[in-house]
Amino acid sequence: MALNTKRIAKLNTPGRYRDPETRGLYLQVGRTGTKSWLLRYELNNKERFHGLGSLDDFSLKEARERARAARQKIADGIDPIDARRAERAARAVDVAKTVTFEEAARQYYAQNEPRWRNRKAAAQFLSTLEDYVFPVFKGIPVADVDSILVLKALEGEHPKRPGKSLWMTIPETANRVRGRIESVLDWATMRGYRQGDNPARWRGFLQKALPARGQLQRIKHHAALPYAEVPPFIAELSERDGIAAQALEFTILTAARTGEIIGATWDEIDLDGRVWTIPAGRMKANKEHRVPLSDRAYEILRALPRERANPFVFIGPRANGLSNMAMASVLKRMGRSDITVHGFRSTFRDWAADLTGYPNHVAEQALAHTIGSAVERAYRRGDLFEKRVRLMADWSRFCLNPTPAGSVVPMRAARQA
């Protein structure tokens, strides 16, 4: 029976119903009652079914016209299924060409921001691009970003320093900007928004056009207090009230990083075992780190207030954890703008190297640094905890030494380490 409007309306049993007037045309009724058009044909001795659209979108007359158009392609040796795929791919390429660098950067940020552990770096990702890159790349498709544009952003005038180049003025920030451009362009390439090499890559690309950072500015290390001055500094610090002052003293005694301290929670602390276990997710090396607690570190923890609803060890003024500037503010109030909180890690390292017999790898382990080659790390499976217990006890005794700075040196024989 020929297909017509009335018959089509009555066909509800799942199956395929041939249209005698058009070779290969079928009405397909799905299990849920949906109706669509199919063209059956053979090409290269293979049977294929080409979808021609839904009955809701195309009438019987329109389906017959679409079937005849497909038959013409088949007669010319063109597979209509392959042709439609090629057309869709071409349209996708055209759409990709309209995606701007800013749109790509914001998509990249939205996808990656949740997994970034460093919240400060995550916040700075978009802000630096908004300051230094988006104004230069304004409206430009990500597919068209080339080395000339990248150099224009990096060598352009500093927004807040007229007449000064970003790369020449603040190379550290400029290099971070370069790396963020590189990441966005790599992401865009994987998404099919662009092709070719990454013009923001340093090695083999920008290194031929820009002076290296080391040629422009010596790397500034965190200002550190000489270890001989630590005992009087600790004595002055202990006289100050407040959680931030206690956190700073605890930071010095454990040689920990600021982020590790302000993020510490009571479930990480084993007071009976005298150990603080920092989970891998909070460590820079993404590896669990155990910190032995000296007598003084233990006393600080025992004296801290605890709130049932607050898991943090060092509670901030807003019933949460301390801010990352709280301990730096203590230094500022003490009139010590010449040193940094992070610098005390260098102080500890210098003390261990100059005044003790502990091997280098024990002190490095205390700082949670990655030690040795991959092969060496594979064989050194332990964390030297017992040796670090003695090291941190010696460091604590030195810090609390009431005698004139540096007059008593707590040497430990190398054999103990």
Protein backbone atom coordinates (compact mmCIF):
# COMPACT_ATOMS: atom_id res chain seq x y z
CA MET A 1 0.00 0.00 0.00
CA ALA A 2 1.22 3.48 -0.87
CA LEU A 3 2.04 5.80 1.96
CA ASN A 4 -0.19 8.82 2.42
CA THR A 5 -1.01 11.25 5.19
CA LYS A 6 -3.95 9.26 6.61
CA ARG A 7 -2.15 5.92 6.56
CA ILE A 8 0.98 7.39 8.10
CA ALA A 9 -1.13 8.78 10.99
CA LYS A 10 -2.56 5.29 11.69
CA LEU A 11 0.81 3.47 11.63
CA ASN A 12 1.75 2.92 15.28
CA THR A 13 3.18 -0.61 15.29
CA PRO A 14 7.00 -0.48 15.50
CA GLY A 15 8.68 -1.35 12.21
CA ARG A 16 9.66 -0.04 8.78
CA TYR A 17 7.06 0.76 6.13
CA ARG A 18 8.20 1.11 2.50
CA ASP A 19 7.06 3.88 0.21
CA PRO A 20 6.40 2.19 -3.16
CA GLU A 21 6.66 5.48 -5.03
CA THR A 22 10.25 6.22 -3.97
CA ARG A 23 12.93 3.56 -4.24
CA GLY A 24 14.47 2.77 -0.87
CA LEU A 25 12.37 5.23 1.18
CA TYR A 26 10.93 3.91 4.45
CA LEU A 27 8.90 5.30 7.32
CA GLN A 28 10.36 3.96 10.57
CA VAL A 29 8.13 3.71 13.64
CA GLY A 30 10.08 3.38 16.86
CA ARG A 31 9.14 1.52 20.02
CA THR A 32 8.03 4.73 21.68
CA GLY A 33 5.92 5.76 18.71
CA THR A 34 8.39 8.18 17.14
CA LYS A 35 8.33 8.30 13.36
CA SER A 36 11.22 9.13 11.07
CA TRP A 37 12.37 8.69 7.46
CA LEU A 38 15.06 6.29 6.25
CA LEU A 39 16.66 5.71 2.89
CA ARG A 40 17.93 2.20 2.23
CA TYR A 41 20.65 1.90 -0.42
CA GLU A 42 23.64 -0.19 -1.41
CA LEU A 43 27.09 1.21 -2.15
CA ASN A 44 30.22 -0.84 -2.74
CA ASN A 45 28.17 -3.98 -2.06
CA LYS A 46 27.23 -2.74 1.41
CA GLU A 47 23.70 -2.07 2.66
CA ARG A 48 23.28 1.27 4.45
CA PHE A 49 20.43 3.25 5.99
CA HIS A 50 20.56 7.02 5.75
CA GLY A 51 18.39 9.03 8.15
CA LEU A 52 16.36 11.71 6.42
CA GLY A 53 14.84 13.33 9.48
CA SER A 54 11.79 13.13 11.69
CA LEU A 55 8.19 13.05 10.45
CA ASP A 56 7.63 16.09 12.67
CA ASP A 57 10.17 18.03 10.58
CA PHE A 58 9.58 16.62 7.09
CA SER A 59 6.35 15.65 5.38
CA LEU A 60 6.04 12.67 3.02
CA LYS A 61 6.53 14.98 0.01
CA GLU A 62 9.66 16.52 1.55
CA ALA A 63 11.03 13.09 2.49
CA ARG A 64 10.64 11.93 -1.12
CA GLU A 65 12.54 15.02 -2.32
CA ARG A 66 15.33 14.41 0.20
CA ALA A 67 15.51 10.74 -0.86
CA ARG A 68 15.83 11.69 -4.53
CA ALA A 69 18.60 14.21 -3.71
CA ALA A 70 20.48 11.49 -1.81
CA ARG A 71 20.01 9.09 -4.73
CA GLN A 72 21.64 11.61 -7.05
CA LYS A 73 24.73 11.65 -4.82
CA ILE A 74 24.83 7.86 -4.79
CA ALA A 75 24.64 7.83 -8.59
CA ASP A 76 27.73 10.09 -8.62
CA GLY A 77 29.57 7.66 -6.30
CA ILE A 78 29.13 9.88 -3.21
CA ASP A 79 27.98 8.23 -0.01
CA PRO A 80 25.34 10.60 1.50
CA ILE A 81 26.18 9.47 5.04
CA ASP A 82 29.87 10.30 4.59
CA ALA A 83 28.95 13.58 2.88
CA ARG A 84 26.75 14.62 5.81
CA ARG A 85 29.53 13.80 8.30
CA ALA A 86 31.96 15.90 6.27
CA GLU A 87 29.51 18.81 6.21
CA ARG A 88 29.04 18.61 9.98
CA ALA A 89 32.80 18.54 10.51
CA ALA A 90 33.20 21.58 8.27
CA ARG A 91 30.53 23.46 10.19
CA ALA A 92 32.24 22.54 13.47
CA VAL A 93 35.50 23.97 12.13
CA ASP A 94 33.71 27.17 11.13
CA VAL A 95 32.21 27.45 14.62
CA ALA A 96 35.61 26.78 16.22
CA LYS A 97 37.10 29.62 14.23
CA THR A 98 34.74 32.04 15.95
CA VAL A 99 35.79 31.06 19.53
CA THR A 100 37.87 33.94 20.86
CA PHE A 101 40.93 33.53 23.05
CA GLU A 102 39.05 35.06 25.99
CA GLU A 103 36.17 32.58 25.59
CA ALA A 104 38.64 29.69 25.41
CA ALA A 105 40.51 30.96 28.49
CA ARG A 106 37.31 31.20 30.52
CA GLN A 107 36.24 27.71 29.44
CA TYR A 108 39.68 26.34 30.37
CA TYR A 109 39.49 28.06 33.76
CA ALA A 110 35.98 26.76 34.50
CA GLN A 111 37.05 23.18 33.74
CA ASN A 112 40.34 23.23 35.65
CA GLU A 113 39.77 25.60 38.59
CA PRO A 114 38.03 22.99 40.83
CA ARG A 115 41.09 20.69 40.83
CA TRP A 116 43.72 23.37 41.52
CA ARG A 117 44.97 23.07 45.13
CA ASN A 118 46.62 26.49 45.22
CA ARG A 119 43.64 28.82 45.61
CA LYS A 120 45.75 31.96 45.30
CA ALA A 121 47.18 30.81 41.94
CA ALA A 122 43.68 29.85 40.79
CA ALA A 123 42.39 33.34 41.59
CA GLN A 124 45.33 34.95 39.81
CA PHE A 125 44.90 32.89 36.63
CA LEU A 126 42.06 34.95 35.19
CA SER A 127 43.04 38.23 36.82
CA THR A 128 46.46 38.29 35.13
CA LEU A 129 44.93 37.41 31.76
CA GLU A 130 42.34 40.16 32.23
CA ASP A 131 45.09 42.66 33.06
CA TYR A 132 47.72 41.77 30.48
CA VAL A 133 46.27 39.56 27.72
CA PHE A 134 42.55 40.06 27.02
CA PRO A 135 43.01 43.75 26.11
CA VAL A 136 45.67 42.75 23.54
CA PHE A 137 43.81 39.68 22.19
CA LYS A 138 40.43 41.43 22.28
CA GLY A 139 37.95 39.66 19.97
CA ILE A 140 40.66 37.62 18.25
CA PRO A 141 39.78 33.95 17.60
CA VAL A 142 41.95 31.53 19.55
CA ALA A 143 42.78 29.89 16.22
CA ASP A 144 44.48 33.09 15.04
CA VAL A 145 46.73 33.69 18.06
CA ASP A 146 50.32 33.65 16.82
CA SER A 147 53.79 34.53 18.10
CA ILE A 148 53.37 38.18 17.12
CA LEU A 149 50.32 38.54 19.36
CA VAL A 150 51.96 36.66 22.24
CA LEU A 151 55.02 38.90 22.04
CA LYS A 152 52.79 41.96 21.87
CA ALA A 153 51.19 40.93 25.18
CA LEU A 154 54.48 40.10 26.90
CA GLU A 155 56.47 43.03 25.57
CA GLY A 156 53.62 45.50 25.72
CA GLU A 157 53.50 48.47 28.05
CA HIS A 158 52.88 47.63 31.68
CA PRO A 159 49.30 48.83 32.46
CA LYS A 160 50.41 50.50 35.69
CA ARG A 161 53.90 51.57 34.60
CA PRO A 162 53.71 53.73 31.44
CA GLY A 163 56.68 53.29 29.16
CA LYS A 164 57.76 50.05 30.85
CA SER A 165 57.59 46.60 29.21
CA LEU A 166 55.87 43.84 31.19
CA TRP A 167 58.60 41.31 30.40
CA MET A 168 61.43 43.70 31.20
CA THR A 169 59.80 45.15 34.33
CA ILE A 170 58.36 42.13 36.12
CA PRO A 171 59.71 39.04 34.33
CA GLU A 172 58.44 36.64 37.01
CA THR A 173 54.83 37.74 36.50
CA ALA A 174 55.32 37.95 32.74
CA ASN A 175 56.51 34.35 32.64
CA ARG A 176 53.45 33.22 34.59
CA VAL A 177 51.30 35.04 32.05
CA ARG A 178 53.18 33.32 29.23
CA GLY A 179 52.58 29.92 30.86
CA ARG A 180 48.87 30.63 31.20
CA ILE A 181 48.62 31.61 27.54
CA GLU A 182 50.45 28.40 26.65
CA SER A 183 48.02 26.30 28.73
CA VAL A 184 44.96 27.88 27.11
CA LEU A 185 46.36 27.38 23.61
CA ASP A 186 47.23 23.73 24.33
CA TRP A 187 43.70 23.18 25.61
CA ALA A 188 42.23 24.89 22.54
CA THR A 189 44.29 22.65 20.24
CA MET A 190 43.00 19.53 21.98
CA ARG A 191 39.44 20.86 21.63
CA GLY A 192 39.87 21.39 17.91
CA TYR A 193 39.69 25.18 18.15
CA ARG A 194 43.14 25.68 16.62
CA GLN A 195 45.94 23.80 14.86
CA GLY A 196 49.71 23.93 14.72
CA ASP A 197 52.47 24.67 17.21
CA ASN A 198 51.95 26.61 20.41
CA PRO A 199 53.46 30.10 19.94
CA ALA A 200 53.55 30.73 23.71
CA ARG A 201 55.92 27.83 24.38
CA TRP A 202 59.27 28.98 25.75
CA ARG A 203 61.66 26.26 24.61
CA GLY A 204 62.28 26.44 20.91
CA PHE A 205 59.95 29.39 20.42
CA LEU A 206 59.93 32.45 22.67
CA GLN A 207 63.42 31.79 24.01
CA LYS A 208 64.69 32.93 20.61
CA ALA A 209 62.85 36.24 20.88
CA LEU A 210 62.97 37.23 24.55
CA PRO A 211 65.83 37.49 27.07
CA ALA A 212 65.70 34.80 29.76
CA ARG A 213 64.44 35.87 33.17
CA GLY A 214 67.83 35.09 34.69
CA GLN A 215 69.39 37.73 32.44
CA LEU A 216 66.92 40.36 33.60
CA GLN A 217 66.61 39.84 37.31
CA ARG A 218 68.24 37.65 39.88
CA ILE A 219 65.78 35.40 41.64
CA LYS A 220 64.87 36.88 44.99
CA HIS A 221 64.75 34.36 47.82
CA HIS A 222 62.43 34.76 50.78
CA ALA A 223 64.10 37.04 53.32
CA ALA A 224 65.26 34.89 56.23
CA LEU A 225 66.33 35.62 59.78
CA PRO A 226 69.92 34.54 60.57
CA TYR A 227 69.73 31.51 62.85
CA ALA A 228 71.85 33.22 65.52
CA GLU A 229 68.99 35.71 65.99
CA VAL A 230 66.25 33.10 66.36
CA PRO A 231 66.41 32.61 70.18
CA PRO A 232 65.86 36.32 71.02
CA PHE A 233 63.22 36.54 68.30
CA ILE A 234 61.33 33.55 69.77
CA ALA A 235 61.61 35.09 73.24
CA GLU A 236 60.00 38.30 71.97
CA LEU A 237 57.38 36.38 69.99
CA SER A 238 56.34 34.29 73.01
CA GLU A 239 55.40 37.46 74.86
CA ARG A 240 52.73 38.28 72.28
CA ASP A 241 49.13 37.21 72.68
CA GLY A 242 46.96 35.88 69.91
CA ILE A 243 46.51 32.77 67.79
CA ALA A 244 48.57 34.19 64.91
CA ALA A 245 51.62 34.63 67.16
CA GLN A 246 51.27 31.06 68.42
CA ALA A 247 50.86 29.84 64.83
CA LEU A 248 54.05 31.65 63.83
CA GLU A 249 56.05 30.07 66.66
CA PHE A 250 54.63 26.67 65.75
CA THR A 251 55.57 27.31 62.11
CA ILE A 252 59.17 28.09 63.07
CA LEU A 253 59.46 25.02 65.34
CA THR A 254 58.08 22.64 62.69
CA ALA A 255 59.74 24.31 59.65
CA ALA A 256 56.41 24.00 57.87
CA ARG A 257 54.92 26.08 55.08
CA THR A 258 52.29 28.74 55.72
CA GLY A 259 49.60 26.84 53.82
CA GLU A 260 50.27 23.69 55.80
CA ILE A 261 49.89 25.58 59.08
CA ILE A 262 46.73 27.57 58.38
CA GLY A 263 45.05 24.51 56.86
CA ALA A 264 45.91 22.19 59.77
CA THR A 265 42.92 20.46 61.37
CA TRP A 266 42.71 18.58 64.65
CA ASP A 267 42.11 15.23 62.94
CA GLU A 268 45.68 15.52 61.57
CA ILE A 269 47.14 15.87 65.07
CA ASP A 270 48.06 12.90 67.27
CA LEU A 271 48.94 14.50 70.60
CA ASP A 272 49.59 11.16 72.32
CA GLY A 273 51.98 10.09 69.56
CA ARG A 274 53.49 13.57 69.26
CA VAL A 275 53.04 13.64 65.47
CA TRP A 276 51.25 15.84 62.96
CA THR A 277 50.35 13.98 59.76
CA ILE A 278 49.65 16.26 56.80
CA PRO A 279 47.65 14.47 54.06
CA ALA A 280 49.04 14.32 50.53
CA GLY A 281 46.34 16.62 49.17
CA ARG A 282 47.68 19.52 51.26
CA MET A 283 51.36 18.98 50.46
CA LYS A 284 53.27 20.69 47.67
CA ALA A 285 54.82 17.36 46.60
CA ASN A 286 51.41 15.68 46.84
CA LYS A 287 52.79 13.14 49.32
CA GLU A 288 51.76 12.55 52.94
CA HIS A 289 54.20 14.14 55.39
CA ARG A 290 54.67 13.35 59.08
CA VAL A 291 55.96 16.12 61.34
CA PRO A 292 57.42 15.16 64.76
CA LEU A 293 56.25 17.47 67.53
CA SER A 294 58.93 18.74 69.90
CA ASP A 295 58.07 19.47 73.53
CA ARG A 296 57.43 23.15 72.82
CA ALA A 297 55.35 22.43 69.71
CA TYR A 298 53.31 19.99 71.80
CA GLU A 299 52.79 22.63 74.50
CA ILE A 300 51.54 25.17 71.97
CA LEU A 301 48.94 22.73 70.68
CA ARG A 302 47.82 21.73 74.17
CA ALA A 303 47.23 25.38 75.08
CA LEU A 304 45.16 26.24 71.99
CA PRO A 305 41.39 26.77 72.29
CA ARG A 306 39.22 24.19 70.59
CA GLU A 307 35.74 24.67 69.18
CA ARG A 308 33.44 21.76 68.51
CA ALA A 309 32.14 23.21 65.25
CA ASN A 310 35.54 24.38 64.00
CA PRO A 311 38.02 21.73 62.78
CA PHE A 312 40.99 24.11 62.37
CA VAL A 313 43.92 24.02 64.79
CA PHE A 314 44.60 27.74 64.50
CA ILE A 315 41.25 29.53 64.55
CA GLY A 316 40.93 32.89 62.83
CA PRO A 317 38.90 35.91 63.94
CA ARG A 318 35.95 34.82 61.81
CA ALA A 319 35.62 31.39 63.48
CA ASN A 320 37.44 29.77 60.59
CA GLY A 321 41.10 29.09 59.81
CA LEU A 322 43.71 31.86 59.85
CA SER A 323 44.22 33.90 56.70
CA ASN A 324 47.44 33.41 54.79
CA MET A 325 48.56 36.92 55.86
CA ALA A 326 47.92 36.51 59.60
CA MET A 327 51.48 35.45 60.50
CA ALA A 328 53.01 38.01 58.14
CA SER A 329 50.99 40.64 60.00
CA VAL A 330 52.59 39.50 63.27
CA LEU A 331 56.03 40.11 61.75
CA LYS A 332 54.90 43.54 60.59
CA ARG A 333 53.66 44.47 64.06
CA MET A 334 57.02 43.35 65.46
CA GLY A 335 58.73 45.74 63.08
CA ARG A 336 60.32 42.89 61.10
CA SER A 337 59.41 43.79 57.53
CA ASP A 338 62.91 42.62 56.61
CA ILE A 339 62.00 38.91 56.96
CA THR A 340 59.24 36.58 55.80
CA VAL A 341 57.38 33.65 57.33
CA HIS A 342 58.60 31.31 54.60
CA GLY A 343 62.15 32.49 55.22
CA PHE A 344 62.25 30.60 58.53
CA ARG A 345 62.49 27.39 56.51
CA SER A 346 65.77 28.70 55.10
CA THR A 347 66.85 29.66 58.62
CA PHE A 348 66.22 26.10 59.78
CA ARG A 349 68.12 24.69 56.79
CA ASP A 350 71.14 26.92 57.40
CA TRP A 351 71.18 26.00 61.09
CA ALA A 352 71.05 22.27 60.30
CA ALA A 353 73.89 22.58 57.77
CA ASP A 354 76.16 24.86 59.83
CA LEU A 355 75.67 23.74 63.41
CA THR A 356 74.67 20.08 63.37
CA GLY A 357 75.99 16.80 62.06
CA TYR A 358 72.70 15.67 60.53
CA PRO A 359 73.05 14.50 56.91
CA ASN A 360 71.62 16.67 54.17
CA HIS A 361 68.81 14.26 53.30
CA VAL A 362 67.45 14.25 56.86
CA ALA A 363 67.10 18.04 56.90
CA GLU A 364 65.60 17.99 53.40
CA GLN A 365 63.08 15.38 54.51
CA ALA A 366 62.14 17.62 57.45
CA LEU A 367 61.34 20.35 54.93
CA ALA A 368 59.28 17.85 52.85
CA HIS A 369 61.54 18.41 49.85
CA THR A 370 61.82 15.82 47.10
CA ILE A 371 65.16 14.07 47.61
CA GLY A 372 67.41 12.49 45.01
CA SER A 373 66.61 10.83 41.70
CA ALA A 374 63.54 8.71 40.98
CA VAL A 375 65.64 5.56 41.44
CA GLU A 376 67.02 6.78 44.76
CA ARG A 377 63.53 7.67 45.99
CA ALA A 378 62.25 4.23 45.01
CA TYR A 379 64.79 2.57 47.31
CA ARG A 380 64.34 5.07 50.14
CA ARG A 381 60.80 4.13 51.09
CA GLY A 382 60.87 5.45 54.68
CA ASP A 383 60.51 9.06 55.79
CA LEU A 384 63.46 9.06 58.29
CA PHE A 385 60.96 9.87 61.02
CA GLU A 386 62.99 8.72 64.05
CA LYS A 387 65.99 10.72 62.90
CA ARG A 388 63.79 13.74 62.34
CA VAL A 389 62.38 13.41 65.87
CA ARG A 390 65.88 14.10 67.23
CA LEU A 391 66.53 16.82 64.64
CA MET A 392 63.38 18.76 65.48
CA ALA A 393 63.99 18.37 69.23
CA ASP A 394 67.46 19.89 68.75
CA TRP A 395 66.02 22.70 66.64
CA SER A 396 63.42 23.45 69.31
CA ARG A 397 66.08 23.54 72.05
CA PHE A 398 68.15 25.93 69.95
CA CYS A 399 65.16 28.21 69.30
CA LEU A 400 64.36 28.37 73.03
CA ASN A 401 67.98 28.81 74.09
CA PRO A 402 67.91 31.71 76.59
CA THR A 403 71.65 32.40 76.39
CA PRO A 404 73.11 35.05 74.04
CA ALA A 405 72.38 34.22 70.45
CA GLY A 406 74.57 31.49 69.11
CA SER A 407 76.71 31.03 72.22
CA VAL A 408 75.52 27.47 72.72
CA VAL A 409 75.46 25.20 69.71
CA PRO A 410 73.43 21.97 70.04
CA MET A 411 75.70 19.76 67.96
CA ARG A 412 74.65 16.20 67.26
CA ALA A 413 77.08 13.56 66.18
CA ALA A 414 76.61 12.46 62.62
CA ARG A 415 76.23 8.89 63.76
CA GLN A 416 72.97 9.77 65.53
CA ALA A 417 71.55 10.97 62.27
